[in-house]
Amino acid sequence: MSHGTDRREIPQRSSRWAAKSADILAAAKLTPNQISFGSVVFAAIGAAALISSAHVDDAIIRAVLLAAAAFCIPLRLLLNMLDGMLAVEKGMSSPVGDIYNELPDRISDVLFLGAAGIAVAGLVTAGGVDFGVTLGFLAAILAVLTAYIRCLGASLGTGNFFDGPLAKPHRMWLLMIGVLVSVAEPWLPWSEGSALFVTLALIALGSLLTCTRRLRRVSAALRARSRDMPA
């Protein structure tokens, strides 16, 4: 991660446990870039667990796989926070840190959301279209687009806009709730996969609203800057 200070506000960053965790990682000689890559590893494990959960008949095994997937989501977010703490607070930034700060996040989003879509494949279909898979990859595309618009604004000099309503942490917490609800589906009065399907629909809609809001803020900032420029 780079040494930039224009980053998302995370209240947990100032907590004692977060500082201690950063100390441990620094003492272990782990770099921020390695930690960023580690977040992708957890995302891949979570994605594999999500997909596997749709292909087992035993409710207990399915529950274990879903619980593992849900557990990987906050671990991904934790590493996303700690890489920045090492880069900024510990002064361990690198010239390619911005690449490691952004690219692993986008890969993780696609892994989690795409896997969730694959996990509900066949639940809702019409006219040869599998709406579960479509929703999963639509949510993934829109999630990446939210970050693209933020980075575009930063590259144009308007700053990073981390606005919601569904920024990265909100998307992931919502997905985790959907996965955890899915654990109880064998004993609930609806089809297995319904909770994830609804969750993906909410994430896609929320991400679309987030894209719209961020794009409006970037556009407004550019127009304001143009008006302020001397003729």
Protein backbone atom coordinates (compact mmCIF):
# COMPACT_ATOMS: atom_id res chain seq x y z
CA MET A 1 0.00 0.00 0.00
CA SER A 2 1.18 3.53 -0.66
CA HIS A 3 1.77 6.20 1.92
CA GLY A 4 -1.29 8.22 0.95
CA THR A 5 -3.57 9.48 3.73
CA ASP A 6 -6.73 9.91 1.65
CA ARG A 7 -8.36 6.69 2.79
CA ARG A 8 -11.62 5.32 4.10
CA GLU A 9 -12.54 6.18 7.68
CA ILE A 10 -12.51 2.97 9.74
CA PRO A 11 -13.23 3.46 13.48
CA GLN A 12 -11.63 0.12 14.37
CA ARG A 13 -8.31 1.39 13.04
CA SER A 14 -7.75 3.35 16.27
CA SER A 15 -8.61 0.45 18.57
CA ARG A 16 -5.99 -1.21 20.78
CA TRP A 17 -6.55 -4.66 19.28
CA ALA A 18 -6.00 -3.33 15.76
CA ALA A 19 -2.78 -1.58 16.81
CA LYS A 20 -1.59 -4.76 18.52
CA SER A 21 -2.41 -6.83 15.43
CA ALA A 22 -0.44 -4.42 13.28
CA ASP A 23 2.49 -4.67 15.70
CA ILE A 24 2.43 -8.47 15.44
CA LEU A 25 2.37 -8.43 11.64
CA ALA A 26 5.19 -5.88 11.51
CA ALA A 27 7.25 -7.98 13.94
CA ALA A 28 6.67 -10.98 11.69
CA LYS A 29 8.28 -8.99 8.83
CA LEU A 30 5.11 -9.12 6.74
CA THR A 31 4.76 -6.28 4.25
CA PRO A 32 1.53 -4.39 3.51
CA ASN A 33 1.56 -5.83 -0.02
CA GLN A 34 1.77 -9.39 1.31
CA ILE A 35 -1.15 -8.70 3.63
CA SER A 36 -3.15 -7.27 0.72
CA PHE A 37 -2.49 -10.47 -1.22
CA GLY A 38 -3.57 -12.46 1.84
CA SER A 39 -7.01 -10.87 1.62
CA VAL A 40 -7.41 -12.44 -1.83
CA VAL A 41 -6.47 -15.83 -0.38
CA PHE A 42 -9.28 -15.59 2.16
CA ALA A 43 -11.66 -14.41 -0.56
CA ALA A 44 -10.73 -17.43 -2.70
CA ILE A 45 -11.27 -19.80 0.23
CA GLY A 46 -14.62 -18.17 0.99
CA ALA A 47 -15.65 -18.34 -2.66
CA ALA A 48 -14.74 -22.02 -2.89
CA ALA A 49 -16.75 -22.74 0.27
CA LEU A 50 -19.76 -20.86 -1.14
CA ILE A 51 -19.74 -22.79 -4.40
CA SER A 52 -19.15 -26.12 -2.63
CA SER A 53 -22.10 -25.49 -0.30
CA ALA A 54 -24.47 -25.70 -3.26
CA HIS A 55 -23.22 -29.16 -4.21
CA VAL A 56 -23.62 -31.09 -0.95
CA ASP A 57 -26.72 -32.92 0.23
CA ASP A 58 -25.85 -33.07 3.93
CA ALA A 59 -27.30 -30.07 5.80
CA ILE A 60 -24.52 -30.12 8.41
CA ILE A 61 -21.73 -30.10 5.83
CA ARG A 62 -23.54 -27.33 3.96
CA ALA A 63 -23.80 -25.31 7.18
CA VAL A 64 -20.07 -25.78 7.88
CA LEU A 65 -19.14 -24.62 4.38
CA LEU A 66 -21.40 -21.57 4.62
CA ALA A 67 -20.04 -20.73 8.07
CA ALA A 68 -16.50 -20.96 6.68
CA ALA A 69 -17.46 -18.64 3.82
CA ALA A 70 -19.03 -16.17 6.25
CA PHE A 71 -15.91 -16.27 8.46
CA CYS A 72 -13.67 -15.43 5.49
CA ILE A 73 -15.56 -12.20 4.80
CA PRO A 74 -14.53 -10.27 7.95
CA LEU A 75 -11.03 -11.76 7.67
CA ARG A 76 -10.78 -10.24 4.20
CA LEU A 77 -11.91 -6.87 5.58
CA LEU A 78 -9.51 -7.17 8.53
CA LEU A 79 -6.52 -7.65 6.24
CA ASN A 80 -7.75 -4.76 4.08
CA MET A 81 -7.54 -2.57 7.19
CA LEU A 82 -4.24 -3.90 8.52
CA ASP A 83 -2.36 -3.47 5.24
CA GLY A 84 -3.11 0.24 5.41
CA MET A 85 -2.08 0.46 9.05
CA LEU A 86 1.30 -1.05 8.27
CA ALA A 87 1.76 1.20 5.24
CA VAL A 88 0.77 4.44 6.95
CA GLU A 89 1.19 4.08 10.70
CA LYS A 90 4.28 1.84 10.46
CA GLY A 91 5.80 3.69 7.50
CA MET A 92 6.10 0.51 5.41
CA SER A 93 4.68 1.87 2.14
CA SER A 94 6.12 0.83 -1.22
CA PRO A 95 6.25 2.39 -4.71
CA VAL A 96 3.73 -0.17 -6.00
CA GLY A 97 1.56 -0.01 -2.91
CA ASP A 98 -1.37 1.65 -4.65
CA ILE A 99 -1.62 -1.30 -7.03
CA TYR A 100 -1.71 -3.76 -4.13
CA ASN A 101 -4.17 -1.54 -2.31
CA GLU A 102 -6.72 -1.55 -5.15
CA LEU A 103 -6.32 -4.67 -7.30
CA PRO A 104 -6.68 -7.33 -4.55
CA ASP A 105 -9.86 -5.62 -3.36
CA ARG A 106 -11.41 -5.83 -6.81
CA ILE A 107 -10.39 -9.48 -7.20
CA SER A 108 -11.88 -10.27 -3.79
CA ASP A 109 -15.19 -8.58 -4.67
CA VAL A 110 -15.47 -10.60 -7.88
CA LEU A 111 -14.57 -13.86 -6.12
CA PHE A 112 -17.12 -13.45 -3.33
CA LEU A 113 -20.01 -12.08 -5.37
CA GLY A 114 -19.43 -14.24 -8.43
CA ALA A 115 -19.24 -17.34 -6.21
CA ALA A 116 -22.47 -16.35 -4.47
CA GLY A 117 -24.14 -16.17 -7.88
CA ILE A 118 -22.81 -19.59 -8.86
CA ALA A 119 -24.00 -20.96 -5.50
CA VAL A 120 -27.61 -20.08 -6.37
CA ALA A 121 -27.43 -21.30 -9.97
CA GLY A 122 -30.68 -22.89 -11.07
CA LEU A 123 -32.80 -21.30 -8.36
CA VAL A 124 -34.55 -18.79 -10.66
CA THR A 125 -34.44 -19.30 -14.42
CA ALA A 126 -36.53 -18.05 -17.33
CA GLY A 127 -36.00 -18.06 -21.07
CA GLY A 128 -32.65 -19.77 -20.72
CA VAL A 129 -31.37 -17.08 -18.34
CA ASP A 130 -30.11 -18.09 -14.91
CA PHE A 131 -30.95 -15.06 -12.79
CA GLY A 132 -28.88 -16.21 -9.82
CA VAL A 133 -25.64 -16.36 -11.79
CA THR A 134 -26.58 -13.16 -13.61
CA LEU A 135 -27.23 -11.35 -10.33
CA GLY A 136 -23.92 -12.55 -8.89
CA PHE A 137 -21.82 -11.24 -11.73
CA LEU A 138 -23.92 -8.08 -12.07
CA ALA A 139 -23.26 -7.38 -8.39
CA ALA A 140 -19.55 -8.06 -8.95
CA ILE A 141 -19.39 -5.71 -11.95
CA LEU A 142 -21.18 -2.94 -10.09
CA ALA A 143 -18.96 -3.42 -7.04
CA VAL A 144 -15.87 -2.97 -9.22
CA LEU A 145 -17.52 0.04 -10.87
CA THR A 146 -18.03 1.77 -7.51
CA ALA A 147 -14.27 1.60 -6.95
CA TYR A 148 -13.54 2.65 -10.52
CA ILE A 149 -15.62 5.82 -10.14
CA ARG A 150 -13.89 6.60 -6.83
CA CYS A 151 -10.45 6.14 -8.41
CA LEU A 152 -11.53 8.13 -11.47
CA GLY A 153 -12.50 11.02 -9.23
CA ALA A 154 -9.15 10.84 -7.46
CA SER A 155 -7.27 10.79 -10.78
CA LEU A 156 -9.21 13.87 -11.89
CA GLY A 157 -8.25 15.68 -8.72
CA THR A 158 -11.65 15.66 -6.99
CA GLY A 159 -10.52 13.31 -4.23
CA ASN A 160 -11.67 9.87 -3.14
CA PHE A 161 -15.39 9.64 -2.45
CA PHE A 162 -16.16 6.66 -0.21
CA ASP A 163 -19.91 7.36 -0.14
CA GLY A 164 -22.48 4.60 0.18
CA PRO A 165 -25.13 3.52 0.52
CA LEU A 166 -23.20 0.33 -0.25
CA ALA A 167 -19.46 0.87 -0.14
CA LYS A 168 -17.11 -2.11 0.18
CA PRO A 169 -17.54 -2.77 3.93
CA HIS A 170 -21.33 -2.51 3.68
CA ARG A 171 -21.40 -4.90 0.70
CA MET A 172 -19.35 -7.45 2.57
CA TRP A 173 -21.30 -7.23 5.84
CA LEU A 174 -24.55 -7.60 3.90
CA LEU A 175 -23.15 -10.63 2.09
CA MET A 176 -22.04 -12.15 5.39
CA ILE A 177 -25.55 -11.75 6.84
CA GLY A 178 -27.03 -13.38 3.74
CA VAL A 179 -24.61 -16.30 4.03
CA LEU A 180 -25.36 -16.78 7.73
CA VAL A 181 -29.12 -16.73 7.10
CA SER A 182 -28.53 -19.37 4.43
CA VAL A 183 -27.20 -21.72 7.11
CA ALA A 184 -30.70 -22.05 8.56
CA GLU A 185 -32.50 -22.47 5.22
CA PRO A 186 -33.00 -26.26 5.46
CA TRP A 187 -35.25 -25.55 8.44
CA LEU A 188 -36.97 -22.45 7.00
CA PRO A 189 -40.07 -22.29 4.76
CA TRP A 190 -38.27 -21.28 1.57
CA SER A 191 -35.93 -22.82 -0.98
CA GLU A 192 -32.23 -23.17 -0.25
CA GLY A 193 -30.37 -20.30 -1.89
CA SER A 194 -33.22 -17.81 -1.52
CA ALA A 195 -31.40 -15.74 1.11
CA LEU A 196 -28.30 -15.43 -1.07
CA PHE A 197 -30.42 -14.58 -4.11
CA VAL A 198 -32.15 -11.73 -2.28
CA THR A 199 -28.81 -10.59 -0.83
CA LEU A 200 -27.25 -10.39 -4.29
CA ALA A 201 -30.23 -8.39 -5.55
CA LEU A 202 -29.80 -5.92 -2.67
CA ILE A 203 -26.05 -5.66 -3.27
CA ALA A 204 -26.56 -5.04 -6.99
CA LEU A 205 -29.16 -2.35 -6.33
CA GLY A 206 -27.15 -0.74 -3.54
CA SER A 207 -23.99 -0.75 -5.66
CA LEU A 208 -25.84 0.87 -8.55
CA LEU A 209 -27.05 3.63 -6.22
CA THR A 210 -23.52 4.01 -4.88
CA CYS A 211 -22.13 4.37 -8.41
CA THR A 212 -24.73 7.00 -9.20
CA ARG A 213 -24.07 8.98 -6.04
CA ARG A 214 -20.29 8.93 -6.45
CA LEU A 215 -20.51 9.89 -10.12
CA ARG A 216 -22.73 12.84 -9.23
CA ARG A 217 -20.26 14.00 -6.59
CA VAL A 218 -17.31 13.74 -8.98
CA SER A 219 -19.27 15.60 -11.67
CA ALA A 220 -20.32 18.31 -9.23
CA ALA A 221 -16.74 18.77 -8.06
CA LEU A 222 -15.48 19.06 -11.64
CA ARG A 223 -18.16 21.62 -12.51
CA ALA A 224 -17.39 23.63 -9.38
CA ARG A 225 -13.69 23.62 -10.20
CA SER A 226 -14.44 24.78 -13.75
CA ARG A 227 -16.53 27.69 -12.45
CA ASP A 228 -13.74 28.70 -10.07
CA MET A 229 -11.08 28.78 -12.77
CA PRO A 230 -10.17 32.29 -14.00
CA ALA A 231 -11.47 33.17 -17.46
